[in-house]
Amino acid sequence: MDVVLPCLDEAAALPAVLASLPPGCRAIVVDNGSVDGSPGVAEACGALVVHEPRRGYGAAVHTGLLAATSELVAFADADGSLSLAELPAMVELLADADLVVGRRVPVRSEVWPWHARAGNAVIARLLRRRGLDVHDIAPLRVCRRSDLLALDVRDRAFGYPLELLVRAAAAGWRVREVDVAYGPRAAGTRSKVSGSVRGTLRAARDMAGVLR
């Protein structure tokens, strides 16, 4: 399985993240314009590094998807907040699902700021009204590469994960959600979304555009 890790200034987190990669997995680190030496750190740790100059989460994820060659592909943040050890159990669920997503369960309340958690809850509630039983617009997910390419997700900013879920629901995908531990990010890294109210509002704007 290829594991796509969008990356923007995550040099401090990458060694531990890549060391936790389960056996049989290849890391594809998609550098999105880092200035802290992240690409060199990733290469030194054995990851395949590809570059996406267009800023945006969706742009980085899509570039990683195109670079992947395995039948199964996973996506995770590169900041150390999510354990890649969760992936094998998620892969097993693909036997009866088309997409498996992780529902973040914070290990401490301060890990997930209130403004980010509130925005996520509102969007997830709207998805449930559309018939998709999820509670998180999750950054940790596993699916089949060919299916995801066929889904043709087009958002290249923060709306990508939401558009993926909206299109999956419209296509009749079987979506499974499982709890995953959500811990603190590695020292020296900061979330581009939940790390500030401004980032959260920017993500909310992109997601609102997807829903419209």
Protein backbone atom coordinates (compact mmCIF):
# COMPACT_ATOMS: atom_id res chain seq x y z
CA MET A 1 0.00 0.00 0.00
CA ASP A 2 1.16 3.53 -0.77
CA VAL A 3 0.69 6.07 2.02
CA VAL A 4 0.37 9.66 0.81
CA LEU A 5 1.57 12.31 3.26
CA PRO A 6 0.92 15.93 2.22
CA CYS A 7 3.73 17.98 3.70
CA LEU A 8 4.32 21.66 4.40
CA ASP A 9 7.16 22.37 6.85
CA GLU A 10 6.95 19.08 8.75
CA ALA A 11 10.69 18.34 9.06
CA ALA A 12 10.45 17.96 12.84
CA ALA A 13 7.72 15.33 12.57
CA LEU A 14 8.78 13.30 9.56
CA PRO A 15 11.42 10.98 11.12
CA ALA A 16 8.99 9.59 13.70
CA VAL A 17 6.07 9.50 11.28
CA LEU A 18 8.01 7.59 8.64
CA ALA A 19 9.52 5.24 11.22
CA SER A 20 5.97 4.23 12.24
CA LEU A 21 5.06 3.14 8.71
CA PRO A 22 3.63 -0.43 8.84
CA PRO A 23 5.49 -3.20 6.97
CA GLY A 24 4.54 -3.45 3.32
CA CYS A 25 3.78 0.26 3.01
CA ARG A 26 5.60 2.88 0.95
CA ALA A 27 5.53 6.52 2.01
CA ILE A 28 4.93 9.17 -0.65
CA VAL A 29 5.69 12.58 0.84
CA VAL A 30 4.21 15.36 -1.26
CA ASP A 31 6.09 18.55 -0.54
CA ASN A 32 3.84 21.58 -0.92
CA GLY A 33 6.47 24.30 -0.74
CA SER A 34 8.33 23.62 2.50
CA VAL A 35 11.17 25.93 3.53
CA ASP A 36 12.41 23.88 6.50
CA GLY A 37 14.17 21.10 4.60
CA SER A 38 11.27 18.63 4.76
CA PRO A 39 12.02 17.03 1.35
CA GLY A 40 15.59 16.19 2.36
CA VAL A 41 14.47 14.75 5.68
CA ALA A 42 11.84 12.60 3.96
CA GLU A 43 14.33 11.28 1.40
CA ALA A 44 16.85 10.47 4.14
CA CYS A 45 14.14 8.44 5.88
CA GLY A 46 13.47 6.40 2.74
CA ALA A 47 10.30 8.08 1.46
CA LEU A 48 9.51 8.82 -2.16
CA VAL A 49 9.32 12.62 -2.42
CA VAL A 50 7.26 14.39 -5.07
CA HIS A 51 6.71 18.11 -5.35
CA GLU A 52 3.47 20.03 -5.82
CA PRO A 53 4.12 23.79 -6.24
CA ARG A 54 0.43 24.72 -6.16
CA ARG A 55 -0.42 25.44 -2.54
CA GLY A 56 -3.40 23.54 -1.21
CA TYR A 57 -4.22 20.33 0.61
CA GLY A 58 -6.22 18.95 -2.29
CA ALA A 59 -3.45 19.72 -4.77
CA ALA A 60 -0.91 17.83 -2.64
CA VAL A 61 -3.23 14.86 -2.10
CA HIS A 62 -4.06 14.56 -5.80
CA THR A 63 -0.40 14.71 -6.80
CA GLY A 64 0.33 11.93 -4.30
CA LEU A 65 -2.54 9.87 -5.69
CA LEU A 66 -1.12 10.21 -9.21
CA ALA A 67 2.34 9.19 -7.97
CA ALA A 68 0.98 6.09 -6.22
CA THR A 69 1.18 2.76 -8.02
CA SER A 70 -0.30 0.28 -5.53
CA GLU A 71 -3.87 -1.03 -5.61
CA LEU A 72 -4.56 0.41 -2.16
CA VAL A 73 -3.71 3.93 -1.10
CA ALA A 74 -3.91 5.63 2.27
CA PHE A 75 -3.77 9.29 3.23
CA ALA A 76 -2.59 10.79 6.50
CA ASP A 77 -1.24 14.04 7.91
CA ALA A 78 2.53 14.28 8.22
CA ASP A 79 2.58 16.15 11.54
CA GLY A 80 2.60 13.15 13.89
CA SER A 81 -0.92 13.64 15.22
CA LEU A 82 -2.21 10.39 13.72
CA SER A 83 -0.64 6.96 14.16
CA LEU A 84 0.09 5.07 10.96
CA ALA A 85 -0.18 1.89 13.04
CA GLU A 86 -3.96 2.28 12.60
CA LEU A 87 -3.72 1.55 8.87
CA PRO A 88 -3.57 -2.29 8.78
CA ALA A 89 -6.85 -2.58 10.71
CA MET A 90 -8.45 -0.03 8.38
CA VAL A 91 -7.28 -2.00 5.34
CA GLU A 92 -8.98 -5.14 6.65
CA LEU A 93 -12.30 -3.29 6.65
CA LEU A 94 -11.99 -2.66 2.91
CA ALA A 95 -13.15 -6.24 2.42
CA ASP A 96 -16.69 -4.91 2.98
CA ALA A 97 -16.23 -1.23 2.16
CA ASP A 98 -15.09 1.14 -0.57
CA LEU A 99 -13.69 3.78 1.77
CA VAL A 100 -12.55 3.57 5.37
CA VAL A 101 -12.09 6.81 7.30
CA GLY A 102 -10.77 7.51 10.77
CA ARG A 103 -12.90 9.39 13.27
CA ARG A 104 -10.47 11.41 15.38
CA VAL A 105 -10.71 10.84 19.14
CA PRO A 106 -8.51 13.41 20.92
CA VAL A 107 -6.21 12.00 23.58
CA ARG A 108 -6.46 15.38 25.35
CA SER A 109 -9.01 18.14 24.93
CA GLU A 110 -6.44 20.76 23.92
CA VAL A 111 -5.27 18.62 20.98
CA TRP A 112 -8.31 19.65 18.93
CA PRO A 113 -9.17 23.36 19.42
CA TRP A 114 -12.81 24.20 20.00
CA HIS A 115 -13.18 26.25 16.80
CA ALA A 116 -11.88 23.40 14.62
CA ARG A 117 -13.99 20.79 16.41
CA ALA A 118 -17.13 22.92 16.13
CA GLY A 119 -16.66 23.54 12.41
CA ASN A 120 -16.02 19.86 11.79
CA ALA A 121 -19.15 18.88 13.72
CA VAL A 122 -21.36 21.24 11.68
CA ILE A 123 -20.09 19.89 8.35
CA ALA A 124 -20.40 16.27 9.51
CA ARG A 125 -23.98 16.90 10.59
CA LEU A 126 -24.81 18.19 7.11
CA LEU A 127 -23.30 15.04 5.62
CA ARG A 128 -25.42 12.83 7.86
CA ARG A 129 -28.49 14.67 6.64
CA ARG A 130 -27.43 13.61 3.15
CA GLY A 131 -27.35 10.00 4.28
CA LEU A 132 -23.62 9.56 4.91
CA ASP A 133 -23.09 8.29 8.46
CA VAL A 134 -19.82 10.01 9.40
CA HIS A 135 -18.83 12.25 12.29
CA ASP A 136 -15.50 13.61 11.09
CA ILE A 137 -14.07 15.09 7.89
CA ALA A 138 -11.13 12.84 8.47
CA PRO A 139 -7.53 13.24 7.26
CA LEU A 140 -6.84 9.50 7.76
CA ARG A 141 -8.46 7.31 5.11
CA VAL A 142 -7.89 4.21 2.98
CA CYS A 143 -9.40 3.23 -0.36
CA ARG A 144 -8.65 1.65 -3.73
CA ARG A 145 -6.60 3.87 -6.01
CA SER A 146 -8.57 3.17 -9.19
CA ASP A 147 -11.88 3.91 -7.47
CA LEU A 148 -10.63 7.22 -6.12
CA LEU A 149 -9.32 8.30 -9.51
CA ALA A 150 -12.70 7.45 -11.06
CA LEU A 151 -14.46 9.52 -8.42
CA ASP A 152 -12.79 12.60 -9.96
CA VAL A 153 -12.48 14.81 -6.88
CA ARG A 154 -11.66 18.29 -8.19
CA ASP A 155 -11.15 20.55 -5.18
CA ARG A 156 -7.48 21.41 -4.74
CA ALA A 157 -7.77 23.29 -1.45
CA PHE A 158 -9.19 22.46 1.99
CA GLY A 159 -12.49 21.30 0.49
CA TYR A 160 -10.93 18.11 -0.91
CA PRO A 161 -11.81 15.72 1.96
CA LEU A 162 -15.40 16.95 2.02
CA GLU A 163 -15.82 16.69 -1.75
CA LEU A 164 -14.46 13.15 -1.54
CA LEU A 165 -17.16 12.20 0.96
CA VAL A 166 -19.92 13.99 -0.98
CA ARG A 167 -18.95 12.26 -4.23
CA ALA A 168 -18.56 8.91 -2.45
CA ALA A 169 -22.09 9.20 -1.09
CA ALA A 170 -23.46 10.15 -4.51
CA ALA A 171 -21.69 7.16 -6.07
CA GLY A 172 -23.18 4.77 -3.52
CA TRP A 173 -19.85 3.91 -1.91
CA ARG A 174 -19.86 1.83 1.25
CA VAL A 175 -18.14 4.09 3.77
CA ARG A 176 -16.90 2.77 7.13
CA GLU A 177 -15.83 5.05 9.96
CA VAL A 178 -13.60 3.85 12.80
CA ASP A 179 -12.23 5.61 15.86
CA VAL A 180 -8.56 6.57 15.72
CA ALA A 181 -6.46 8.26 18.37
CA TYR A 182 -5.72 11.94 17.68
CA GLY A 183 -2.65 13.14 19.54
CA PRO A 184 -0.51 16.26 19.75
CA ARG A 185 1.51 17.29 16.74
CA ALA A 186 5.27 17.03 16.82
CA ALA A 187 7.04 19.97 18.41
CA GLY A 188 7.88 22.59 15.83
CA THR A 189 4.87 21.90 13.62
CA ARG A 190 1.53 23.68 13.42
CA SER A 191 -1.75 22.75 11.80
CA LYS A 192 -2.59 24.78 8.70
CA VAL A 193 -6.29 24.43 9.56
CA SER A 194 -6.95 24.03 13.27
CA GLY A 195 -3.79 25.87 14.32
CA SER A 196 -5.60 29.20 13.99
CA VAL A 197 -9.10 30.60 13.74
CA ARG A 198 -8.10 32.07 10.38
CA GLY A 199 -7.09 28.65 9.07
CA THR A 200 -10.34 27.13 10.28
CA LEU A 201 -12.39 29.86 8.61
CA ARG A 202 -10.47 29.35 5.35
CA ALA A 203 -11.21 25.63 5.47
CA ALA A 204 -14.87 26.35 6.27
CA ARG A 205 -15.05 28.65 3.24
CA ASP A 206 -13.66 25.96 0.95
CA MET A 207 -16.00 23.32 2.37
CA ALA A 208 -19.02 25.60 2.07
CA GLY A 209 -18.17 26.00 -1.61
CA VAL A 210 -18.17 22.22 -2.00
CA LEU A 211 -21.60 21.90 -0.38
CA ARG A 212 -23.01 24.65 -2.59
